[in-house]
């Protein structure tokens, strides 16, 4: 949802309590003048509508910055009323598009939401399983190379070539 879309839909009135957004500054010159670090310093670029105000979530609980909806471009992530909170260990079971992850650099324990009605997804689960298989294969390869290297080192020690051994 962009600012233009908001204006067409009724401006601030289109912000509903509990709406969750990803946001960026609408004024591209702001980034150009001071750079992305400065312009987004102490902002999570995620916001929630609380008591009718668009609040950035960086400080997760206090001193959060109120954003002017006219100064930001918004992408709707969902509304808390349409989501259920889940735990991090539930993530592998669901499609990414069914997840609203509120964690960020200043709040690694932020809430993670799942769209109501979302069900476990075979594709998402297989992706995690296949990644685990590939990761385990790499670990096996690494362990085999380490065993070979250690066996070579042991042979040098047994042969009395102690100065050639690097542990």
C-alpha atoms as a PDB file:
ATOM      1  CA  UNK A   1       0.000   0.000   0.000  1.00  0.00           C
ATOM      2  CA  UNK A   2       1.577   3.283  -1.039  1.00  0.00           C
ATOM      3  CA  UNK A   3       0.739   6.745   0.183  1.00  0.00           C
ATOM      4  CA  UNK A   4      -1.087   7.358  -3.086  1.00  0.00           C
ATOM      5  CA  UNK A   5      -3.190   4.263  -2.458  1.00  0.00           C
ATOM      6  CA  UNK A   6      -3.910   5.437   1.085  1.00  0.00           C
ATOM      7  CA  UNK A   7      -5.067   8.823  -0.151  1.00  0.00           C
ATOM      8  CA  UNK A   8      -7.389   7.198  -2.672  1.00  0.00           C
ATOM      9  CA  UNK A   9      -8.709   4.895   0.031  1.00  0.00           C
ATOM     10  CA  UNK A  10      -9.272   7.667   2.540  1.00  0.00           C
ATOM     11  CA  UNK A  11      -5.893   8.685   3.958  1.00  0.00           C
ATOM     12  CA  UNK A  12      -5.446   8.117   7.671  1.00  0.00           C
ATOM     13  CA  UNK A  13      -8.864   6.535   7.945  1.00  0.00           C
ATOM     14  CA  UNK A  14      -7.545   3.605   5.906  1.00  0.00           C
ATOM     15  CA  UNK A  15      -5.141   2.773   8.743  1.00  0.00           C
ATOM     16  CA  UNK A  16      -6.893   0.201  10.892  1.00  0.00           C
ATOM     17  CA  UNK A  17      -6.061  -0.632  14.478  1.00  0.00           C
ATOM     18  CA  UNK A  18      -3.623  -3.551  14.497  1.00  0.00           C
ATOM     19  CA  UNK A  19      -2.452  -3.085  10.898  1.00  0.00           C
ATOM     20  CA  UNK A  20       1.170  -4.121  10.454  1.00  0.00           C
ATOM     21  CA  UNK A  21       3.279  -2.485   7.762  1.00  0.00           C
ATOM     22  CA  UNK A  22       6.763  -2.516   6.335  1.00  0.00           C
ATOM     23  CA  UNK A  23       7.640   1.082   5.554  1.00  0.00           C
ATOM     24  CA  UNK A  24      10.232   3.326   3.950  1.00  0.00           C
ATOM     25  CA  UNK A  25      10.500   7.065   3.591  1.00  0.00           C
ATOM     26  CA  UNK A  26       8.404   8.316   0.690  1.00  0.00           C
ATOM     27  CA  UNK A  27      10.904  11.099  -0.007  1.00  0.00           C
ATOM     28  CA  UNK A  28      13.806   9.491  -1.876  1.00  0.00           C
ATOM     29  CA  UNK A  29      15.845  12.662  -1.365  1.00  0.00           C
ATOM     30  CA  UNK A  30      15.925  11.972   2.365  1.00  0.00           C
ATOM     31  CA  UNK A  31      18.030   8.859   1.734  1.00  0.00           C
ATOM     32  CA  UNK A  32      20.151  10.641  -0.858  1.00  0.00           C
ATOM     33  CA  UNK A  33      20.948  13.546   1.471  1.00  0.00           C
ATOM     34  CA  UNK A  34      21.938  11.638   4.583  1.00  0.00           C
ATOM     35  CA  UNK A  35      22.232   8.022   3.445  1.00  0.00           C
ATOM     36  CA  UNK A  36      20.145   5.033   4.466  1.00  0.00           C
ATOM     37  CA  UNK A  37      21.989   4.541   7.762  1.00  0.00           C
ATOM     38  CA  UNK A  38      21.205   8.016   9.018  1.00  0.00           C
ATOM     39  CA  UNK A  39      17.675   8.185   7.683  1.00  0.00           C
ATOM     40  CA  UNK A  40      16.691   4.833   9.231  1.00  0.00           C
ATOM     41  CA  UNK A  41      18.824   5.003  12.381  1.00  0.00           C
ATOM     42  CA  UNK A  42      16.774   3.683  15.336  1.00  0.00           C
ATOM     43  CA  UNK A  43      13.904   2.637  13.075  1.00  0.00           C
ATOM     44  CA  UNK A  44      12.898  -0.971  12.411  1.00  0.00           C
ATOM     45  CA  UNK A  45      11.002  -0.057   9.228  1.00  0.00           C
ATOM     46  CA  UNK A  46       8.090  -2.073  10.594  1.00  0.00           C
ATOM     47  CA  UNK A  47       5.115  -0.280  12.043  1.00  0.00           C
ATOM     48  CA  UNK A  48       1.871  -1.131  13.795  1.00  0.00           C
ATOM     49  CA  UNK A  49      -1.240   0.997  14.134  1.00  0.00           C
ATOM     50  CA  UNK A  50      -1.807   1.491  17.863  1.00  0.00           C
ATOM     51  CA  UNK A  51      -4.466   3.866  19.180  1.00  0.00           C
ATOM     52  CA  UNK A  52      -4.835   5.265  15.671  1.00  0.00           C
ATOM     53  CA  UNK A  53      -1.127   6.110  15.370  1.00  0.00           C
ATOM     54  CA  UNK A  54       1.401   4.523  13.039  1.00  0.00           C
ATOM     55  CA  UNK A  55       4.173   3.408  15.410  1.00  0.00           C
ATOM     56  CA  UNK A  56       7.612   2.133  14.372  1.00  0.00           C
ATOM     57  CA  UNK A  57       8.526  -0.994  16.374  1.00  0.00           C
ATOM     58  CA  UNK A  58      12.254  -0.375  16.906  1.00  0.00           C
ATOM     59  CA  UNK A  59      12.107   0.234  20.660  1.00  0.00           C
ATOM     60  CA  UNK A  60       9.575  -2.586  21.224  1.00  0.00           C
ATOM     61  CA  UNK A  61       7.588  -1.188  24.077  1.00  0.00           C
ATOM     62  CA  UNK A  62       8.632   2.356  24.890  1.00  0.00           C
ATOM     63  CA  UNK A  63       9.805   5.527  23.159  1.00  0.00           C
ATOM     64  CA  UNK A  64       8.633   4.245  19.801  1.00  0.00           C
ATOM     65  CA  UNK A  65       8.523   6.855  17.084  1.00  0.00           C
ATOM     66  CA  UNK A  66       5.183   7.900  15.649  1.00  0.00           C
ATOM     67  CA  UNK A  67       5.294   8.052  11.865  1.00  0.00           C
ATOM     68  CA  UNK A  68       3.407  10.501   9.707  1.00  0.00           C
ATOM     69  CA  UNK A  69       1.596   8.317   7.153  1.00  0.00           C
ATOM     70  CA  UNK A  70       2.017  11.090   4.580  1.00  0.00           C
ATOM     71  CA  UNK A  71       5.818  10.821   4.833  1.00  0.00           C
ATOM     72  CA  UNK A  72       6.159   7.066   4.317  1.00  0.00           C
ATOM     73  CA  UNK A  73       5.397   4.433   1.705  1.00  0.00           C
ATOM     74  CA  UNK A  74       3.666   1.470   3.282  1.00  0.00           C
ATOM     75  CA  UNK A  75       3.437  -2.204   2.423  1.00  0.00           C
ATOM     76  CA  UNK A  76       0.686  -4.032   4.271  1.00  0.00           C
ATOM     77  CA  UNK A  77       1.883  -7.175   6.035  1.00  0.00           C
ATOM     78  CA  UNK A  78      -1.371  -7.987   7.806  1.00  0.00           C
ATOM     79  CA  UNK A  79      -3.604  -7.097  10.708  1.00  0.00           C
ATOM     80  CA  UNK A  80      -3.208  -8.584  14.176  1.00  0.00           C
ATOM     81  CA  UNK A  81      -6.897  -9.559  14.161  1.00  0.00           C
ATOM     82  CA  UNK A  82      -6.216 -11.844  11.179  1.00  0.00           C
ATOM     83  CA  UNK A  83      -3.095 -13.407  12.662  1.00  0.00           C
ATOM     84  CA  UNK A  84      -2.169 -15.804  15.423  1.00  0.00           C
ATOM     85  CA  UNK A  85       1.151 -15.608  17.260  1.00  0.00           C
ATOM     86  CA  UNK A  86       3.466 -18.590  16.820  1.00  0.00           C
ATOM     87  CA  UNK A  87       6.909 -19.597  18.047  1.00  0.00           C
ATOM     88  CA  UNK A  88      10.103 -19.564  16.008  1.00  0.00           C
ATOM     89  CA  UNK A  89      10.198 -23.368  15.931  1.00  0.00           C
ATOM     90  CA  UNK A  90       6.886 -23.334  14.021  1.00  0.00           C
ATOM     91  CA  UNK A  91       8.332 -21.368  11.075  1.00  0.00           C
ATOM     92  CA  UNK A  92       9.553 -24.351   9.003  1.00  0.00           C
ATOM     93  CA  UNK A  93       6.025 -25.688   8.607  1.00  0.00           C
ATOM     94  CA  UNK A  94       4.531 -22.698   6.789  1.00  0.00           C
ATOM     95  CA  UNK A  95       4.954 -20.732   3.582  1.00  0.00           C
ATOM     96  CA  UNK A  96       6.863 -17.472   3.980  1.00  0.00           C
ATOM     97  CA  UNK A  97       3.906 -15.499   2.662  1.00  0.00           C
ATOM     98  CA  UNK A  98       1.760 -16.838   5.533  1.00  0.00           C
ATOM     99  CA  UNK A  99       4.200 -15.483   8.122  1.00  0.00           C
ATOM    100  CA  UNK A 100       4.497 -11.952   9.497  1.00  0.00           C
ATOM    101  CA  UNK A 101       7.824 -11.851  11.304  1.00  0.00           C
ATOM    102  CA  UNK A 102       8.197  -8.794  13.539  1.00  0.00           C
ATOM    103  CA  UNK A 103      11.717  -9.637  14.708  1.00  0.00           C
ATOM    104  CA  UNK A 104      14.425  -7.139  13.813  1.00  0.00           C
ATOM    105  CA  UNK A 105      17.935  -6.122  14.858  1.00  0.00           C
ATOM    106  CA  UNK A 106      16.770  -4.373  18.001  1.00  0.00           C
ATOM    107  CA  UNK A 107      14.175  -6.993  18.956  1.00  0.00           C
ATOM    108  CA  UNK A 108      15.204 -10.525  18.089  1.00  0.00           C
ATOM    109  CA  UNK A 109      12.343 -11.781  20.261  1.00  0.00           C
ATOM    110  CA  UNK A 110       9.663  -9.786  18.492  1.00  0.00           C
ATOM    111  CA  UNK A 111       6.401 -11.558  17.762  1.00  0.00           C
ATOM    112  CA  UNK A 112       5.999 -13.910  14.821  1.00  0.00           C
ATOM    113  CA  UNK A 113       2.521 -14.219  13.389  1.00  0.00           C
ATOM    114  CA  UNK A 114       0.796 -16.753  11.163  1.00  0.00           C
ATOM    115  CA  UNK A 115      -2.198 -15.897   9.021  1.00  0.00           C
ATOM    116  CA  UNK A 116      -5.321 -17.480  10.468  1.00  0.00           C
ATOM    117  CA  UNK A 117      -6.370 -20.479   8.417  1.00  0.00           C
ATOM    118  CA  UNK A 118      -2.864 -21.148   7.100  1.00  0.00           C
ATOM    119  CA  UNK A 119      -1.993 -24.817   7.135  1.00  0.00           C
ATOM    120  CA  UNK A 120       1.266 -26.683   7.081  1.00  0.00           C
ATOM    121  CA  UNK A 121       2.831 -26.600   3.641  1.00  0.00           C
ATOM    122  CA  UNK A 122       4.603 -29.606   2.121  1.00  0.00           C
ATOM    123  CA  UNK A 123       6.783 -27.398  -0.087  1.00  0.00           C
ATOM    124  CA  UNK A 124       8.006 -25.300   2.826  1.00  0.00           C
ATOM    125  CA  UNK A 125       8.660 -28.381   4.917  1.00  0.00           C
ATOM    126  CA  UNK A 126      10.552 -30.128   2.107  1.00  0.00           C
ATOM    127  CA  UNK A 127      12.690 -27.029   1.598  1.00  0.00           C
ATOM    128  CA  UNK A 128      13.777 -27.187   5.247  1.00  0.00           C
ATOM    129  CA  UNK A 129      14.350 -30.949   5.099  1.00  0.00           C
ATOM    130  CA  UNK A 130      16.390 -30.727   1.879  1.00  0.00           C
ATOM    131  CA  UNK A 131      18.466 -27.896   3.318  1.00  0.00           C
ATOM    132  CA  UNK A 132      19.116 -30.073   6.385  1.00  0.00           C
ATOM    133  CA  UNK A 133      20.200 -32.978   4.190  1.00  0.00           C
ATOM    134  CA  UNK A 134      22.611 -30.795   2.196  1.00  0.00           C
ATOM    135  CA  UNK A 135      23.985 -29.239   5.363  1.00  0.00           C
ATOM    136  CA  UNK A 136      24.517 -32.678   6.915  1.00  0.00           C
ATOM    137  CA  UNK A 137      26.296 -33.898   3.768  1.00  0.00           C
ATOM    138  CA  UNK A 138      28.673 -30.925   3.985  1.00  0.00           C
ATOM    139  CA  UNK A 139      29.327 -31.728   7.647  1.00  0.00           C
ATOM    140  CA  UNK A 140      30.109 -35.347   6.737  1.00  0.00           C
ATOM    141  CA  UNK A 141      32.504 -34.217   3.973  1.00  0.00           C
ATOM    142  CA  UNK A 142      34.212 -31.848   6.395  1.00  0.00           C
ATOM    143  CA  UNK A 143      34.511 -34.571   9.050  1.00  0.00           C
ATOM    144  CA  UNK A 144      35.979 -37.023   6.519  1.00  0.00           C
ATOM    145  CA  UNK A 145      38.602 -34.481   5.403  1.00  0.00           C
ATOM    146  CA  UNK A 146      39.430 -33.739   9.048  1.00  0.00           C
ATOM    147  CA  UNK A 147      39.835 -37.465   9.809  1.00  0.00           C
ATOM    148  CA  UNK A 148      42.190 -37.837   6.819  1.00  0.00           C
ATOM    149  CA  UNK A 149      44.231 -34.820   7.939  1.00  0.00           C
ATOM    150  CA  UNK A 150      44.454 -36.101  11.517  1.00  0.00           C
ATOM    151  CA  UNK A 151      45.461 -39.577  10.295  1.00  0.00           C
ATOM    152  CA  UNK A 152      48.277 -37.970   8.264  1.00  0.00           C
ATOM    153  CA  UNK A 153      49.389 -36.017  11.333  1.00  0.00           C
ATOM    154  CA  UNK A 154      49.314 -39.194  13.469  1.00  0.00           C
ATOM    155  CA  UNK A 155      51.443 -41.021  10.873  1.00  0.00           C
ATOM    156  CA  UNK A 156      54.031 -38.219  10.992  1.00  0.00           C
ATOM    157  CA  UNK A 157      54.142 -38.363  14.800  1.00  0.00           C
ATOM    158  CA  UNK A 158      54.572 -42.156  14.711  1.00  0.00           C
ATOM    159  CA  UNK A 159      57.374 -41.726  12.161  1.00  0.00           C
ATOM    160  CA  UNK A 160      59.119 -39.290  14.488  1.00  0.00           C
ATOM    161  CA  UNK A 161      58.587 -36.269  12.199  1.00  0.00           C
ATOM    162  CA  UNK A 162      57.363 -34.084  15.047  1.00  0.00           C
ATOM    163  CA  UNK A 163      58.516 -30.817  13.443  1.00  0.00           C
ATOM    164  CA  UNK A 164      56.281 -31.519  10.429  1.00  0.00           C
ATOM    165  CA  UNK A 165      53.144 -31.834  12.543  1.00  0.00           C
ATOM    166  CA  UNK A 166      50.835 -28.829  12.819  1.00  0.00           C
ATOM    167  CA  UNK A 167      47.956 -29.392  15.216  1.00  0.00           C
END
